All heavy atoms as atom14 arrays in JSON, in Angstrom:
{
  "sequence": "RVNPKYRVHLLALLITMLVYAGGNLTGAVFNPALALSLHPHCFYEKFL",
  "atom14_mask": [
    [1, 1, 1, 1, 1, 1, 1, 1, 1, 1, 1, 0, 0, 0],
    [1, 1, 1, 1, 1, 1, 1, 0, 0, 0, 0, 0, 0, 0],
    [1, 1, 1, 1, 1, 1, 1, 1, 0, 0, 0, 0, 0, 0],
    [1, 1, 1, 1, 1, 1, 1, 0, 0, 0, 0, 0, 0, 0],
    [1, 1, 1, 1, 1, 1, 1, 1, 1, 0, 0, 0, 0, 0],
    [1, 1, 1, 1, 1, 1, 1, 1, 1, 1, 1, 1, 0, 0],
    [1, 1, 1, 1, 1, 1, 1, 1, 1, 1, 1, 0, 0, 0],
    [1, 1, 1, 1, 1, 1, 1, 0, 0, 0, 0, 0, 0, 0],
    [1, 1, 1, 1, 1, 1, 1, 1, 1, 1, 0, 0, 0, 0],
    [1, 1, 1, 1, 1, 1, 1, 1, 0, 0, 0, 0, 0, 0],
    [1, 1, 1, 1, 1, 1, 1, 1, 0, 0, 0, 0, 0, 0],
    [1, 1, 1, 1, 1, 0, 0, 0, 0, 0, 0, 0, 0, 0],
    [1, 1, 1, 1, 1, 1, 1, 1, 0, 0, 0, 0, 0, 0],
    [1, 1, 1, 1, 1, 1, 1, 1, 0, 0, 0, 0, 0, 0],
    [1, 1, 1, 1, 1, 1, 1, 1, 0, 0, 0, 0, 0, 0],
    [1, 1, 1, 1, 1, 1, 1, 0, 0, 0, 0, 0, 0, 0],
    [1, 1, 1, 1, 1, 1, 1, 1, 0, 0, 0, 0, 0, 0],
    [1, 1, 1, 1, 1, 1, 1, 1, 0, 0, 0, 0, 0, 0],
    [1, 1, 1, 1, 1, 1, 1, 0, 0, 0, 0, 0, 0, 0],
    [1, 1, 1, 1, 1, 1, 1, 1, 1, 1, 1, 1, 0, 0],
    [1, 1, 1, 1, 1, 0, 0, 0, 0, 0, 0, 0, 0, 0],
    [1, 1, 1, 1, 0, 0, 0, 0, 0, 0, 0, 0, 0, 0],
    [1, 1, 1, 1, 0, 0, 0, 0, 0, 0, 0, 0, 0, 0],
    [1, 1, 1, 1, 1, 1, 1, 1, 0, 0, 0, 0, 0, 0],
    [1, 1, 1, 1, 1, 1, 1, 1, 0, 0, 0, 0, 0, 0],
    [1, 1, 1, 1, 1, 1, 1, 0, 0, 0, 0, 0, 0, 0],
    [1, 1, 1, 1, 0, 0, 0, 0, 0, 0, 0, 0, 0, 0],
    [1, 1, 1, 1, 1, 0, 0, 0, 0, 0, 0, 0, 0, 0],
    [1, 1, 1, 1, 1, 1, 1, 0, 0, 0, 0, 0, 0, 0],
    [1, 1, 1, 1, 1, 1, 1, 1, 1, 1, 1, 0, 0, 0],
    [1, 1, 1, 1, 1, 1, 1, 1, 0, 0, 0, 0, 0, 0],
    [1, 1, 1, 1, 1, 1, 1, 0, 0, 0, 0, 0, 0, 0],
    [1, 1, 1, 1, 1, 0, 0, 0, 0, 0, 0, 0, 0, 0],
    [1, 1, 1, 1, 1, 1, 1, 1, 0, 0, 0, 0, 0, 0],
    [1, 1, 1, 1, 1, 0, 0, 0, 0, 0, 0, 0, 0, 0],
    [1, 1, 1, 1, 1, 1, 1, 1, 0, 0, 0, 0, 0, 0],
    [1, 1, 1, 1, 1, 1, 0, 0, 0, 0, 0, 0, 0, 0],
    [1, 1, 1, 1, 1, 1, 1, 1, 0, 0, 0, 0, 0, 0],
    [1, 1, 1, 1, 1, 1, 1, 1, 1, 1, 0, 0, 0, 0],
    [1, 1, 1, 1, 1, 1, 1, 0, 0, 0, 0, 0, 0, 0],
    [1, 1, 1, 1, 1, 1, 1, 1, 1, 1, 0, 0, 0, 0],
    [1, 1, 1, 1, 1, 1, 0, 0, 0, 0, 0, 0, 0, 0],
    [1, 1, 1, 1, 1, 1, 1, 1, 1, 1, 1, 0, 0, 0],
    [1, 1, 1, 1, 1, 1, 1, 1, 1, 1, 1, 1, 0, 0],
    [1, 1, 1, 1, 1, 1, 1, 1, 1, 0, 0, 0, 0, 0],
    [1, 1, 1, 1, 1, 1, 1, 1, 1, 0, 0, 0, 0, 0],
    [1, 1, 1, 1, 1, 1, 1, 1, 1, 1, 1, 0, 0, 0],
    [1, 1, 1, 1, 1, 1, 1, 1, 0, 0, 0, 0, 0, 0]
  ],
  "atom14_positions": [
    [[0.8, -1.22, 0.0], [0.0, 0.0, 0.0], [0.84, 1.27, 0.0], [0.29, 2.38, -0.03], [-0.92, 0.0, 1.22], [-1.92, -1.15, 1.24], [-2.81, -1.09, 2.47], [-3.74, -2.21, 2.52], [-4.6, -2.42, 3.51], [-4.64, -1.59, 4.53], [-5.42, -3.46, 3.47], [0.0, 0.0, 0.0], [0.0, 0.0, 0.0], [0.0, 0.0, 0.0]],
    [[2.16, 1.12, 0.04], [3.04, 2.28, 0.02], [3.13, 2.83, -1.4], [3.1, 2.09, -2.38], [4.45, 1.89, 0.54], [5.39, 3.09, 0.5], [4.34, 1.33, 1.95], [0.0, 0.0, 0.0], [0.0, 0.0, 0.0], [0.0, 0.0, 0.0], [0.0, 0.0, 0.0], [0.0, 0.0, 0.0], [0.0, 0.0, 0.0], [0.0, 0.0, 0.0]],
    [[3.24, 4.13, -1.51], [3.4, 4.77, -2.81], [4.59, 4.15, -3.53], [5.67, 4.02, -2.96], [3.63, 6.27, -2.6], [3.59, 7.04, -3.91], [4.25, 6.68, -4.89], [2.81, 8.1, -3.93], [0.0, 0.0, 0.0], [0.0, 0.0, 0.0], [0.0, 0.0, 0.0], [0.0, 0.0, 0.0], [0.0, 0.0, 0.0], [0.0, 0.0, 0.0]],
    [[4.41, 3.76, -4.82], [5.49, 3.06, -5.55], [6.82, 3.81, -5.55], [7.88, 3.18, -5.48], [4.92, 2.94, -6.97], [3.45, 2.91, -6.78], [3.17, 3.82, -5.61], [0.0, 0.0, 0.0], [0.0, 0.0, 0.0], [0.0, 0.0, 0.0], [0.0, 0.0, 0.0], [0.0, 0.0, 0.0], [0.0, 0.0, 0.0], [0.0, 0.0, 0.0]],
    [[6.79, 5.13, -5.62], [8.05, 5.88, -5.67], [8.79, 5.84, -4.33], [10.0, 6.06, -4.28], [7.8, 7.32, -6.11], [7.01, 8.16, -5.15], [6.85, 9.57, -5.7], [6.05, 10.46, -4.75], [5.89, 11.83, -5.3], [0.0, 0.0, 0.0], [0.0, 0.0, 0.0], [0.0, 0.0, 0.0], [0.0, 0.0, 0.0], [0.0, 0.0, 0.0]],
    [[8.06, 5.55, -3.26], [8.71, 5.37, -1.96], [9.02, 3.9, -1.69], [10.0, 3.57, -1.02], [7.83, 5.9, -0.83], [7.53, 7.38, -0.95], [6.21, 7.84, -0.93], [8.55, 8.3, -1.09], [5.93, 9.19, -1.05], [8.27, 9.66, -1.21], [6.97, 10.1, -1.18], [6.7, 11.43, -1.3], [0.0, 0.0, 0.0], [0.0, 0.0, 0.0]],
    [[8.19, 3.01, -2.23], [8.36, 1.59, -1.99], [9.68, 1.08, -2.55], [10.36, 0.25, -1.93], [7.2, 0.8, -2.59], [7.27, -0.69, -2.31], [5.99, -1.41, -2.68], [5.69, -1.31, -4.08], [4.58, -0.78, -4.59], [3.66, -0.28, -3.77], [4.37, -0.74, -5.88], [0.0, 0.0, 0.0], [0.0, 0.0, 0.0], [0.0, 0.0, 0.0]],
    [[10.08, 1.55, -3.72], [11.32, 1.08, -4.33], [12.53, 1.45, -3.45], [13.47, 0.65, -3.32], [11.47, 1.66, -5.76], [11.64, 3.17, -5.73], [12.64, 1.01, -6.48], [0.0, 0.0, 0.0], [0.0, 0.0, 0.0], [0.0, 0.0, 0.0], [0.0, 0.0, 0.0], [0.0, 0.0, 0.0], [0.0, 0.0, 0.0], [0.0, 0.0, 0.0]],
    [[12.48, 2.59, -2.8], [13.57, 2.98, -1.9], [13.54, 2.16, -0.61], [14.59, 1.8, -0.06], [13.48, 4.47, -1.57], [13.8, 5.36, -2.73], [15.09, 5.66, -3.11], [12.98, 6.01, -3.61], [15.07, 6.46, -4.16], [13.82, 6.69, -4.49], [0.0, 0.0, 0.0], [0.0, 0.0, 0.0], [0.0, 0.0, 0.0], [0.0, 0.0, 0.0]],
    [[12.34, 1.86, -0.14], [12.2, 1.03, 1.06], [12.78, -0.36, 0.83], [13.56, -0.87, 1.66], [10.73, 0.94, 1.46], [10.39, -0.02, 2.6], [11.03, 0.45, 3.9], [8.87, -0.14, 2.77], [0.0, 0.0, 0.0], [0.0, 0.0, 0.0], [0.0, 0.0, 0.0], [0.0, 0.0, 0.0], [0.0, 0.0, 0.0], [0.0, 0.0, 0.0]],
    [[12.45, -0.97, -0.29], [12.95, -2.31, -0.6], [14.46, -2.29, -0.86], [15.18, -3.22, -0.47], [12.21, -2.88, -1.81], [10.7, -3.11, -1.6], [10.06, -3.61, -2.89], [10.46, -4.09, -0.47], [0.0, 0.0, 0.0], [0.0, 0.0, 0.0], [0.0, 0.0, 0.0], [0.0, 0.0, 0.0], [0.0, 0.0, 0.0], [0.0, 0.0, 0.0]],
    [[14.93, -1.25, -1.53], [16.37, -1.13, -1.77], [17.14, -0.98, -0.47], [18.21, -1.57, -0.29], [16.65, 0.07, -2.69], [0.0, 0.0, 0.0], [0.0, 0.0, 0.0], [0.0, 0.0, 0.0], [0.0, 0.0, 0.0], [0.0, 0.0, 0.0], [0.0, 0.0, 0.0], [0.0, 0.0, 0.0], [0.0, 0.0, 0.0], [0.0, 0.0, 0.0]],
    [[16.58, -0.22, 0.47], [17.22, -0.06, 1.77], [17.26, -1.39, 2.52], [18.27, -1.73, 3.15], [16.48, 0.99, 2.59], [17.02, 1.27, 3.99], [18.46, 1.77, 3.93], [16.13, 2.28, 4.72], [0.0, 0.0, 0.0], [0.0, 0.0, 0.0], [0.0, 0.0, 0.0], [0.0, 0.0, 0.0], [0.0, 0.0, 0.0], [0.0, 0.0, 0.0]],
    [[16.15, -2.14, 2.45], [16.12, -3.44, 3.11], [17.15, -4.39, 2.52], [17.88, -5.07, 3.26], [14.71, -4.05, 2.99], [14.56, -5.48, 3.51], [14.83, -5.53, 5.01], [13.19, -6.04, 3.18], [0.0, 0.0, 0.0], [0.0, 0.0, 0.0], [0.0, 0.0, 0.0], [0.0, 0.0, 0.0], [0.0, 0.0, 0.0], [0.0, 0.0, 0.0]],
    [[17.22, -4.46, 1.2], [18.19, -5.34, 0.55], [19.62, -4.95, 0.94], [20.47, -5.82, 1.23], [18.02, -5.29, -0.98], [16.7, -5.98, -1.37], [19.19, -5.96, -1.69], [16.36, -5.88, -2.84], [0.0, 0.0, 0.0], [0.0, 0.0, 0.0], [0.0, 0.0, 0.0], [0.0, 0.0, 0.0], [0.0, 0.0, 0.0], [0.0, 0.0, 0.0]],
    [[19.9, -3.65, 0.98], [21.22, -3.19, 1.38], [21.54, -3.59, 2.81], [22.66, -4.01, 3.13], [21.32, -1.66, 1.23], [20.97, -1.29, -0.11], [22.73, -1.18, 1.53], [0.0, 0.0, 0.0], [0.0, 0.0, 0.0], [0.0, 0.0, 0.0], [0.0, 0.0, 0.0], [0.0, 0.0, 0.0], [0.0, 0.0, 0.0], [0.0, 0.0, 0.0]],
    [[20.56, -3.49, 3.7], [20.76, -3.88, 5.09], [21.01, -5.38, 5.21], [21.86, -5.83, 5.99], [19.54, -3.48, 5.92], [19.37, -1.98, 6.08], [17.8, -1.53, 6.88], [18.0, -2.36, 8.47], [0.0, 0.0, 0.0], [0.0, 0.0, 0.0], [0.0, 0.0, 0.0], [0.0, 0.0, 0.0], [0.0, 0.0, 0.0], [0.0, 0.0, 0.0]],
    [[20.28, -6.18, 4.44], [20.47, -7.62, 4.47], [21.84, -8.02, 3.92], [22.5, -8.92, 4.44], [19.36, -8.32, 3.68], [17.95, -8.21, 4.26], [16.93, -8.89, 3.36], [17.88, -8.79, 5.66], [0.0, 0.0, 0.0], [0.0, 0.0, 0.0], [0.0, 0.0, 0.0], [0.0, 0.0, 0.0], [0.0, 0.0, 0.0], [0.0, 0.0, 0.0]],
    [[22.27, -7.33, 2.86], [23.61, -7.59, 2.31], [24.67, -7.25, 3.35], [25.65, -7.98, 3.52], [23.82, -6.77, 1.02], [25.28, -6.81, 0.59], [22.93, -7.31, -0.09], [0.0, 0.0, 0.0], [0.0, 0.0, 0.0], [0.0, 0.0, 0.0], [0.0, 0.0, 0.0], [0.0, 0.0, 0.0], [0.0, 0.0, 0.0], [0.0, 0.0, 0.0]],
    [[24.46, -6.15, 4.06], [25.43, -5.76, 5.1], [25.45, -6.77, 6.24], [26.5, -7.1, 6.78], [25.08, -4.37, 5.63], [25.97, -3.9, 6.76], [27.3, -3.53, 6.53], [25.5, -3.86, 8.08], [28.12, -3.11, 7.56], [26.32, -3.44, 9.11], [27.62, -3.07, 8.85], [28.44, -2.66, 9.88], [0.0, 0.0, 0.0], [0.0, 0.0, 0.0]],
    [[24.26, -7.29, 6.59], [24.15, -8.2, 7.73], [24.69, -9.59, 7.41], [25.33, -10.23, 8.26], [22.7, -8.28, 8.2], [0.0, 0.0, 0.0], [0.0, 0.0, 0.0], [0.0, 0.0, 0.0], [0.0, 0.0, 0.0], [0.0, 0.0, 0.0], [0.0, 0.0, 0.0], [0.0, 0.0, 0.0], [0.0, 0.0, 0.0], [0.0, 0.0, 0.0]],
    [[24.42, -10.08, 6.21], [24.78, -11.46, 5.91], [25.64, -11.66, 4.69], [25.91, -12.81, 4.3], [0.0, 0.0, 0.0], [0.0, 0.0, 0.0], [0.0, 0.0, 0.0], [0.0, 0.0, 0.0], [0.0, 0.0, 0.0], [0.0, 0.0, 0.0], [0.0, 0.0, 0.0], [0.0, 0.0, 0.0], [0.0, 0.0, 0.0], [0.0, 0.0, 0.0]],
    [[26.07, -10.56, 4.08], [26.86, -10.69, 2.87], [28.17, -11.42, 3.07], [28.64, -12.15, 2.19], [0.0, 0.0, 0.0], [0.0, 0.0, 0.0], [0.0, 0.0, 0.0], [0.0, 0.0, 0.0], [0.0, 0.0, 0.0], [0.0, 0.0, 0.0], [0.0, 0.0, 0.0], [0.0, 0.0, 0.0], [0.0, 0.0, 0.0], [0.0, 0.0, 0.0]],
    [[28.77, -11.28, 4.25], [30.05, -11.95, 4.52], [29.87, -13.41, 4.91], [30.85, -14.15, 5.04], [30.79, -11.21, 5.64], [30.01, -11.22, 6.95], [28.78, -11.17, 6.94], [30.71, -11.26, 8.06], [0.0, 0.0, 0.0], [0.0, 0.0, 0.0], [0.0, 0.0, 0.0], [0.0, 0.0, 0.0], [0.0, 0.0, 0.0], [0.0, 0.0, 0.0]],
    [[28.63, -13.85, 5.1], [28.36, -15.23, 5.5], [27.82, -16.07, 4.34], [28.26, -17.2, 4.13], [27.37, -15.27, 6.66], [27.85, -14.64, 7.96], [26.73, -14.65, 9.0], [29.07, -15.37, 8.5], [0.0, 0.0, 0.0], [0.0, 0.0, 0.0], [0.0, 0.0, 0.0], [0.0, 0.0, 0.0], [0.0, 0.0, 0.0], [0.0, 0.0, 0.0]],
    [[26.86, -15.53, 3.61], [26.26, -16.28, 2.49], [26.2, -15.47, 1.2], [25.92, -16.03, 0.15], [24.83, -16.74, 2.84], [23.99, -15.58, 2.99], [24.81, -17.55, 4.12], [0.0, 0.0, 0.0], [0.0, 0.0, 0.0], [0.0, 0.0, 0.0], [0.0, 0.0, 0.0], [0.0, 0.0, 0.0], [0.0, 0.0, 0.0], [0.0, 0.0, 0.0]],
    [[26.41, -14.18, 1.28], [26.21, -13.32, 0.13], [24.85, -12.67, 0.13], [24.6, -11.73, -0.62], [0.0, 0.0, 0.0], [0.0, 0.0, 0.0], [0.0, 0.0, 0.0], [0.0, 0.0, 0.0], [0.0, 0.0, 0.0], [0.0, 0.0, 0.0], [0.0, 0.0, 0.0], [0.0, 0.0, 0.0], [0.0, 0.0, 0.0], [0.0, 0.0, 0.0]],
    [[23.94, -13.16, 1.0], [22.58, -12.61, 1.11], [21.93, -12.49, -0.27], [21.56, -11.41, -0.72], [22.6, -11.25, 1.82], [0.0, 0.0, 0.0], [0.0, 0.0, 0.0], [0.0, 0.0, 0.0], [0.0, 0.0, 0.0], [0.0, 0.0, 0.0], [0.0, 0.0, 0.0], [0.0, 0.0, 0.0], [0.0, 0.0, 0.0], [0.0, 0.0, 0.0]],
    [[21.79, -13.61, -0.95], [21.28, -13.61, -2.33], [19.76, -13.73, -2.36], [19.06, -12.95, -3.0], [21.93, -14.75, -3.14], [21.43, -14.72, -4.57], [23.45, -14.62, -3.11], [0.0, 0.0, 0.0], [0.0, 0.0, 0.0], [0.0, 0.0, 0.0], [0.0, 0.0, 0.0], [0.0, 0.0, 0.0], [0.0, 0.0, 0.0], [0.0, 0.0, 0.0]],
    [[19.22, -14.71, -1.66], [17.81, -15.09, -1.64], [17.11, -14.96, -2.99], [15.98, -14.53, -3.11], [17.02, -14.36, -0.53], [17.19, -12.87, -0.44], [16.34, -12.02, -1.11], [18.18, -12.34, 0.37], [16.47, -10.65, -1.01], [18.33, -10.97, 0.48], [17.48, -10.12, -0.2], [0.0, 0.0, 0.0], [0.0, 0.0, 0.0], [0.0, 0.0, 0.0]],
    [[17.83, -15.38, -4.04], [17.3, -15.42, -5.41], [18.0, -16.58, -6.11], [19.19, -16.5, -6.42], [17.58, -14.1, -6.13], [17.01, -14.07, -7.55], [16.86, -15.09, -8.2], [16.71, -12.87, -8.02], [0.0, 0.0, 0.0], [0.0, 0.0, 0.0], [0.0, 0.0, 0.0], [0.0, 0.0, 0.0], [0.0, 0.0, 0.0], [0.0, 0.0, 0.0]],
    [[17.29, -17.69, -6.37], [17.93, -18.88, -6.95], [18.62, -18.63, -8.28], [19.72, -19.15, -8.52], [16.76, -19.86, -7.1], [15.78, -19.44, -6.05], [15.88, -17.95, -5.98], [0.0, 0.0, 0.0], [0.0, 0.0, 0.0], [0.0, 0.0, 0.0], [0.0, 0.0, 0.0], [0.0, 0.0, 0.0], [0.0, 0.0, 0.0], [0.0, 0.0, 0.0]],
    [[18.0, -17.85, -9.16], [18.6, -17.58, -10.46], [19.88, -16.75, -10.32], [20.9, -17.04, -10.96], [17.6, -16.87, -11.37], [0.0, 0.0, 0.0], [0.0, 0.0, 0.0], [0.0, 0.0, 0.0], [0.0, 0.0, 0.0], [0.0, 0.0, 0.0], [0.0, 0.0, 0.0], [0.0, 0.0, 0.0], [0.0, 0.0, 0.0], [0.0, 0.0, 0.0]],
    [[19.83, -15.74, -9.48], [21.0, -14.9, -9.26], [22.14, -15.7, -8.63], [23.31, -15.51, -8.98], [20.62, -13.71, -8.37], [21.74, -12.74, -8.01], [22.38, -12.15, -9.26], [21.22, -11.64, -7.1], [0.0, 0.0, 0.0], [0.0, 0.0, 0.0], [0.0, 0.0, 0.0], [0.0, 0.0, 0.0], [0.0, 0.0, 0.0], [0.0, 0.0, 0.0]],
    [[21.81, -16.58, -7.7], [22.82, -17.41, -7.05], [23.54, -18.29, -8.07], [24.76, -18.45, -8.03], [22.19, -18.27, -5.96], [0.0, 0.0, 0.0], [0.0, 0.0, 0.0], [0.0, 0.0, 0.0], [0.0, 0.0, 0.0], [0.0, 0.0, 0.0], [0.0, 0.0, 0.0], [0.0, 0.0, 0.0], [0.0, 0.0, 0.0], [0.0, 0.0, 0.0]],
    [[22.8, -18.86, -9.01], [23.41, -19.7, -10.04], [24.33, -18.87, -10.93], [25.42, -19.33, -11.32], [22.32, -20.35, -10.9], [22.8, -21.21, -12.07], [23.61, -22.41, -11.56], [21.63, -21.69, -12.91], [0.0, 0.0, 0.0], [0.0, 0.0, 0.0], [0.0, 0.0, 0.0], [0.0, 0.0, 0.0], [0.0, 0.0, 0.0], [0.0, 0.0, 0.0]],
    [[23.93, -17.65, -11.24], [24.74, -16.79, -12.09], [26.02, -16.35, -11.39], [27.07, -16.25, -12.02], [23.92, -15.56, -12.52], [24.66, -14.76, -13.42], [0.0, 0.0, 0.0], [0.0, 0.0, 0.0], [0.0, 0.0, 0.0], [0.0, 0.0, 0.0], [0.0, 0.0, 0.0], [0.0, 0.0, 0.0], [0.0, 0.0, 0.0], [0.0, 0.0, 0.0]],
    [[25.94, -16.1, -10.09], [27.09, -15.62, -9.34], [28.08, -16.74, -9.01], [29.29, -16.52, -8.99], [26.64, -14.95, -8.04], [25.88, -13.64, -8.15], [25.43, -13.17, -6.77], [26.71, -12.57, -8.83], [0.0, 0.0, 0.0], [0.0, 0.0, 0.0], [0.0, 0.0, 0.0], [0.0, 0.0, 0.0], [0.0, 0.0, 0.0], [0.0, 0.0, 0.0]],
    [[27.57, -17.95, -8.76], [28.43, -19.03, -8.25], [28.24, -20.33, -9.05], [27.95, -21.38, -8.46], [28.13, -19.28, -6.78], [28.08, -18.05, -5.95], [29.17, -17.23, -5.76], [27.06, -17.48, -5.25], [28.83, -16.21, -4.99], [27.56, -16.34, -4.66], [0.0, 0.0, 0.0], [0.0, 0.0, 0.0], [0.0, 0.0, 0.0], [0.0, 0.0, 0.0]],
    [[28.4, -20.3, -10.36], [28.18, -21.54, -11.13], [29.18, -22.64, -10.8], [28.82, -23.82, -10.77], [28.33, -21.07, -12.59], [29.19, -19.85, -12.5], [28.82, -19.19, -11.22], [0.0, 0.0, 0.0], [0.0, 0.0, 0.0], [0.0, 0.0, 0.0], [0.0, 0.0, 0.0], [0.0, 0.0, 0.0], [0.0, 0.0, 0.0], [0.0, 0.0, 0.0]],
    [[30.43, -22.27, -10.53], [31.45, -23.28, -10.19], [31.12, -23.97, -8.86], [31.36, -25.18, -8.71], [32.82, -22.63, -10.11], [33.29, -22.06, -11.41], [33.72, -22.84, -12.46], [33.4, -20.78, -11.84], [34.08, -22.08, -13.48], [33.89, -20.82, -13.13], [0.0, 0.0, 0.0], [0.0, 0.0, 0.0], [0.0, 0.0, 0.0], [0.0, 0.0, 0.0]],
    [[30.57, -23.21, -7.93], [30.22, -23.79, -6.64], [29.08, -24.79, -6.78], [29.07, -25.84, -6.13], [29.85, -22.68, -5.65], [31.16, -21.48, -5.35], [0.0, 0.0, 0.0], [0.0, 0.0, 0.0], [0.0, 0.0, 0.0], [0.0, 0.0, 0.0], [0.0, 0.0, 0.0], [0.0, 0.0, 0.0], [0.0, 0.0, 0.0], [0.0, 0.0, 0.0]],
    [[28.1, -24.45, -7.62], [26.99, -25.39, -7.85], [27.5, -26.65, -8.54], [26.99, -27.75, -8.28], [25.92, -24.72, -8.72], [24.94, -23.87, -7.94], [25.16, -22.52, -7.76], [23.82, -24.43, -7.37], [24.27, -21.74, -7.03], [22.92, -23.67, -6.65], [23.14, -22.31, -6.48], [0.0, 0.0, 0.0], [0.0, 0.0, 0.0], [0.0, 0.0, 0.0]],
    [[28.49, -26.5, -9.39], [29.04, -27.67, -10.08], [29.8, -28.57, -9.12], [29.7, -29.8, -9.19], [29.96, -27.22, -11.23], [30.62, -28.34, -11.97], [29.9, -29.11, -12.9], [31.96, -28.66, -11.75], [30.5, -30.15, -13.58], [32.57, -29.69, -12.43], [31.84, -30.43, -13.34], [32.43, -31.48, -14.02], [0.0, 0.0, 0.0], [0.0, 0.0, 0.0]],
    [[30.56, -27.96, -8.2], [31.39, -28.74, -7.29], [30.6, -29.28, -6.1], [30.89, -30.38, -5.62], [32.55, -27.87, -6.8], [33.5, -27.45, -7.91], [34.55, -26.47, -7.42], [34.61, -26.22, -6.2], [35.32, -25.95, -8.26], [0.0, 0.0, 0.0], [0.0, 0.0, 0.0], [0.0, 0.0, 0.0], [0.0, 0.0, 0.0], [0.0, 0.0, 0.0]],
    [[29.65, -28.5, -5.58], [28.9, -28.9, -4.38], [27.42, -28.63, -4.61], [26.81, -27.81, -3.93], [29.4, -28.13, -3.16], [30.89, -28.26, -2.91], [31.35, -27.37, -1.78], [32.84, -27.44, -1.56], [33.3, -26.52, -0.49], [0.0, 0.0, 0.0], [0.0, 0.0, 0.0], [0.0, 0.0, 0.0], [0.0, 0.0, 0.0], [0.0, 0.0, 0.0]],
    [[26.86, -29.33, -5.58], [25.5, -29.03, -6.0], [24.49, -29.19, -4.88], [23.6, -28.34, -4.69], [25.11, -29.92, -7.18], [23.69, -29.68, -7.65], [23.38, -28.6, -8.45], [22.66, -30.56, -7.27], [22.08, -28.37, -8.87], [21.37, -30.34, -7.7], [21.08, -29.25, -8.5], [0.0, 0.0, 0.0], [0.0, 0.0, 0.0], [0.0, 0.0, 0.0]],
    [[24.58, -30.25, -4.11], [23.58, -30.54, -3.1], [23.52, -29.44, -2.04], [22.44, -28.91, -1.72], [23.87, -31.89, -2.43], [22.84, -32.35, -1.38], [21.46, -32.48, -2.02], [23.27, -33.67, -0.75], [0.0, 0.0, 0.0], [0.0, 0.0, 0.0], [0.0, 0.0, 0.0], [0.0, 0.0, 0.0], [0.0, 0.0, 0.0], [0.0, 0.0, 0.0]]
  ]
}
């Protein structure tokens, strides 16, 4: 229900905070397609 021009900044701020909080531990990706693109060698070596 937030105005779209404010919502995009709210979500961007949240993503930035999550990256800061967990980026050094997992990368804070929470996007399966993006994870595959960023770490294809890791999926190949340790797929499970």
